[in-house]
């Protein structure tokens, strides 16, 4: 699986729309043993809490990319630039400012999320 290609496709097809329209950006970090990992950046326009954000973005990735359709779960690392505006500067400078939340999503219906 080529993660760079998937991220490039996501950036062109989806991420720009979400970033401008909703204040949410995401990228795929890894995919191992049926679980993919995403990094999500929240800005001032995004109003939903971390749990809802994790659920929605994980399902968006799973449903939009055939490479992830058989995933069992997702790990979501959230950077909140709404609460900590300095983190946006760090991201633009190529510095990882640290995660504000870490969430997990299981895609099987009869499991508790």
C-alpha atoms as a PDB file:
ATOM      1  CA  UNK A   1       0.000   0.000   0.000  1.00  0.00           C
ATOM      2  CA  UNK A   2       1.385   3.393  -1.005  1.00  0.00           C
ATOM      3  CA  UNK A   3       0.447   5.779   1.806  1.00  0.00           C
ATOM      4  CA  UNK A   4       1.882   8.819   0.014  1.00  0.00           C
ATOM      5  CA  UNK A   5      -0.349   8.192  -3.016  1.00  0.00           C
ATOM      6  CA  UNK A   6      -3.433   7.736  -0.842  1.00  0.00           C
ATOM      7  CA  UNK A   7      -2.658  10.977   1.034  1.00  0.00           C
ATOM      8  CA  UNK A   8      -2.121  12.820  -2.240  1.00  0.00           C
ATOM      9  CA  UNK A   9      -5.462  11.549  -3.577  1.00  0.00           C
ATOM     10  CA  UNK A  10      -7.176  12.467  -0.300  1.00  0.00           C
ATOM     11  CA  UNK A  11      -5.668  15.956  -0.318  1.00  0.00           C
ATOM     12  CA  UNK A  12      -6.894  16.666  -3.848  1.00  0.00           C
ATOM     13  CA  UNK A  13     -10.337  15.046  -3.605  1.00  0.00           C
ATOM     14  CA  UNK A  14     -11.448  15.616  -0.014  1.00  0.00           C
ATOM     15  CA  UNK A  15      -9.061  17.377   2.332  1.00  0.00           C
ATOM     16  CA  UNK A  16      -9.120  20.810   0.686  1.00  0.00           C
ATOM     17  CA  UNK A  17     -12.925  20.818   0.864  1.00  0.00           C
ATOM     18  CA  UNK A  18     -12.938  19.832   4.542  1.00  0.00           C
ATOM     19  CA  UNK A  19     -10.122  22.215   5.455  1.00  0.00           C
ATOM     20  CA  UNK A  20     -11.733  25.254   3.847  1.00  0.00           C
ATOM     21  CA  UNK A  21     -15.379  24.396   4.528  1.00  0.00           C
ATOM     22  CA  UNK A  22     -15.226  22.795   7.956  1.00  0.00           C
ATOM     23  CA  UNK A  23     -11.821  23.482   9.472  1.00  0.00           C
ATOM     24  CA  UNK A  24     -10.722  19.845   9.573  1.00  0.00           C
ATOM     25  CA  UNK A  25      -7.712  18.248   7.933  1.00  0.00           C
ATOM     26  CA  UNK A  26      -6.499  14.653   8.026  1.00  0.00           C
ATOM     27  CA  UNK A  27      -3.815  12.366   6.676  1.00  0.00           C
ATOM     28  CA  UNK A  28      -3.059   8.668   6.763  1.00  0.00           C
ATOM     29  CA  UNK A  29      -0.003   7.775   8.840  1.00  0.00           C
ATOM     30  CA  UNK A  30       0.064   3.981   8.620  1.00  0.00           C
ATOM     31  CA  UNK A  31      -1.843   0.750   8.009  1.00  0.00           C
ATOM     32  CA  UNK A  32      -0.875  -2.423   9.865  1.00  0.00           C
ATOM     33  CA  UNK A  33      -2.777  -5.635  10.645  1.00  0.00           C
ATOM     34  CA  UNK A  34      -6.178  -4.258   9.741  1.00  0.00           C
ATOM     35  CA  UNK A  35      -5.867  -0.982  11.637  1.00  0.00           C
ATOM     36  CA  UNK A  36      -5.101   2.359  10.008  1.00  0.00           C
ATOM     37  CA  UNK A  37      -3.769   5.426  11.798  1.00  0.00           C
ATOM     38  CA  UNK A  38      -4.844   8.979  11.007  1.00  0.00           C
ATOM     39  CA  UNK A  39      -3.627  12.373  12.103  1.00  0.00           C
ATOM     40  CA  UNK A  40      -6.418  14.949  12.321  1.00  0.00           C
ATOM     41  CA  UNK A  41      -5.966  18.709  12.706  1.00  0.00           C
ATOM     42  CA  UNK A  42      -8.933  20.679  14.032  1.00  0.00           C
ATOM     43  CA  UNK A  43      -9.182  24.437  13.484  1.00  0.00           C
ATOM     44  CA  UNK A  44     -11.612  27.138  14.613  1.00  0.00           C
ATOM     45  CA  UNK A  45     -14.503  26.239  12.263  1.00  0.00           C
ATOM     46  CA  UNK A  46     -14.871  22.659  13.530  1.00  0.00           C
ATOM     47  CA  UNK A  47     -17.526  22.417  16.271  1.00  0.00           C
ATOM     48  CA  UNK A  48     -17.793  18.674  17.000  1.00  0.00           C
ATOM     49  CA  UNK A  49     -16.144  16.934  19.958  1.00  0.00           C
ATOM     50  CA  UNK A  50     -13.205  14.535  19.669  1.00  0.00           C
ATOM     51  CA  UNK A  51     -15.310  11.355  19.817  1.00  0.00           C
ATOM     52  CA  UNK A  52     -17.647  12.380  17.010  1.00  0.00           C
ATOM     53  CA  UNK A  53     -14.715  13.694  14.996  1.00  0.00           C
ATOM     54  CA  UNK A  54     -12.861  10.381  15.292  1.00  0.00           C
ATOM     55  CA  UNK A  55     -15.921   8.354  14.304  1.00  0.00           C
ATOM     56  CA  UNK A  56     -16.789  10.508  11.279  1.00  0.00           C
ATOM     57  CA  UNK A  57     -13.283  10.853   9.887  1.00  0.00           C
ATOM     58  CA  UNK A  58     -12.478   7.154  10.325  1.00  0.00           C
ATOM     59  CA  UNK A  59     -15.636   6.137   8.455  1.00  0.00           C
ATOM     60  CA  UNK A  60     -14.912   8.698   5.733  1.00  0.00           C
ATOM     61  CA  UNK A  61     -11.459   7.207   5.129  1.00  0.00           C
ATOM     62  CA  UNK A  62     -12.689   3.598   5.257  1.00  0.00           C
ATOM     63  CA  UNK A  63     -15.565   4.247   2.847  1.00  0.00           C
ATOM     64  CA  UNK A  64     -13.654   6.424   0.354  1.00  0.00           C
ATOM     65  CA  UNK A  65     -10.486   4.383  -0.167  1.00  0.00           C
ATOM     66  CA  UNK A  66     -10.645   0.787  -1.423  1.00  0.00           C
ATOM     67  CA  UNK A  67      -7.277   0.044   0.199  1.00  0.00           C
ATOM     68  CA  UNK A  68      -8.903   0.573   3.622  1.00  0.00           C
ATOM     69  CA  UNK A  69     -12.265  -1.123   3.013  1.00  0.00           C
ATOM     70  CA  UNK A  70     -11.294  -4.279   4.953  1.00  0.00           C
ATOM     71  CA  UNK A  71      -9.952  -2.388   7.963  1.00  0.00           C
ATOM     72  CA  UNK A  72     -11.105  -3.620  11.356  1.00  0.00           C
ATOM     73  CA  UNK A  73     -10.416  -0.363  13.177  1.00  0.00           C
ATOM     74  CA  UNK A  74      -8.696   2.998  13.211  1.00  0.00           C
ATOM     75  CA  UNK A  75      -6.495   4.991  15.562  1.00  0.00           C
ATOM     76  CA  UNK A  76      -6.984   8.740  15.370  1.00  0.00           C
ATOM     77  CA  UNK A  77      -4.478  11.246  16.739  1.00  0.00           C
ATOM     78  CA  UNK A  78      -5.977  14.725  17.097  1.00  0.00           C
ATOM     79  CA  UNK A  79      -4.170  18.073  17.084  1.00  0.00           C
ATOM     80  CA  UNK A  80      -6.473  20.876  18.243  1.00  0.00           C
ATOM     81  CA  UNK A  81      -5.345  24.257  16.901  1.00  0.00           C
ATOM     82  CA  UNK A  82      -8.643  25.772  18.056  1.00  0.00           C
ATOM     83  CA  UNK A  83      -7.636  25.358  21.716  1.00  0.00           C
ATOM     84  CA  UNK A  84      -3.913  25.888  21.108  1.00  0.00           C
ATOM     85  CA  UNK A  85      -3.402  28.362  18.223  1.00  0.00           C
ATOM     86  CA  UNK A  86       0.409  28.139  18.445  1.00  0.00           C
ATOM     87  CA  UNK A  87       0.183  24.561  17.154  1.00  0.00           C
ATOM     88  CA  UNK A  88      -0.821  25.852  13.709  1.00  0.00           C
ATOM     89  CA  UNK A  89       2.492  27.703  13.506  1.00  0.00           C
ATOM     90  CA  UNK A  90       4.360  24.544  14.529  1.00  0.00           C
ATOM     91  CA  UNK A  91       2.609  22.495  11.843  1.00  0.00           C
ATOM     92  CA  UNK A  92       3.478  25.056   9.157  1.00  0.00           C
ATOM     93  CA  UNK A  93       7.121  24.938  10.283  1.00  0.00           C
ATOM     94  CA  UNK A  94       7.188  21.124  10.044  1.00  0.00           C
ATOM     95  CA  UNK A  95       7.241  20.588  13.804  1.00  0.00           C
ATOM     96  CA  UNK A  96       4.920  18.004  15.363  1.00  0.00           C
ATOM     97  CA  UNK A  97       3.319  19.911  18.265  1.00  0.00           C
ATOM     98  CA  UNK A  98       2.020  16.815  20.050  1.00  0.00           C
ATOM     99  CA  UNK A  99      -1.430  15.298  20.135  1.00  0.00           C
ATOM    100  CA  UNK A 100      -4.307  16.610  22.230  1.00  0.00           C
ATOM    101  CA  UNK A 101      -6.349  13.414  22.018  1.00  0.00           C
ATOM    102  CA  UNK A 102      -5.958   9.806  20.912  1.00  0.00           C
ATOM    103  CA  UNK A 103      -9.096   7.934  19.904  1.00  0.00           C
ATOM    104  CA  UNK A 104      -9.922   4.490  18.570  1.00  0.00           C
ATOM    105  CA  UNK A 105     -12.747   3.279  16.364  1.00  0.00           C
ATOM    106  CA  UNK A 106     -13.806  -0.327  15.756  1.00  0.00           C
ATOM    107  CA  UNK A 107     -15.780  -0.827  12.541  1.00  0.00           C
ATOM    108  CA  UNK A 108     -17.676  -3.990  13.480  1.00  0.00           C
ATOM    109  CA  UNK A 109     -21.292  -3.179  14.397  1.00  0.00           C
ATOM    110  CA  UNK A 110     -21.605  -5.498  17.376  1.00  0.00           C
ATOM    111  CA  UNK A 111     -18.547  -4.063  19.153  1.00  0.00           C
ATOM    112  CA  UNK A 112     -18.801  -1.171  21.587  1.00  0.00           C
ATOM    113  CA  UNK A 113     -17.129   2.021  20.270  1.00  0.00           C
END
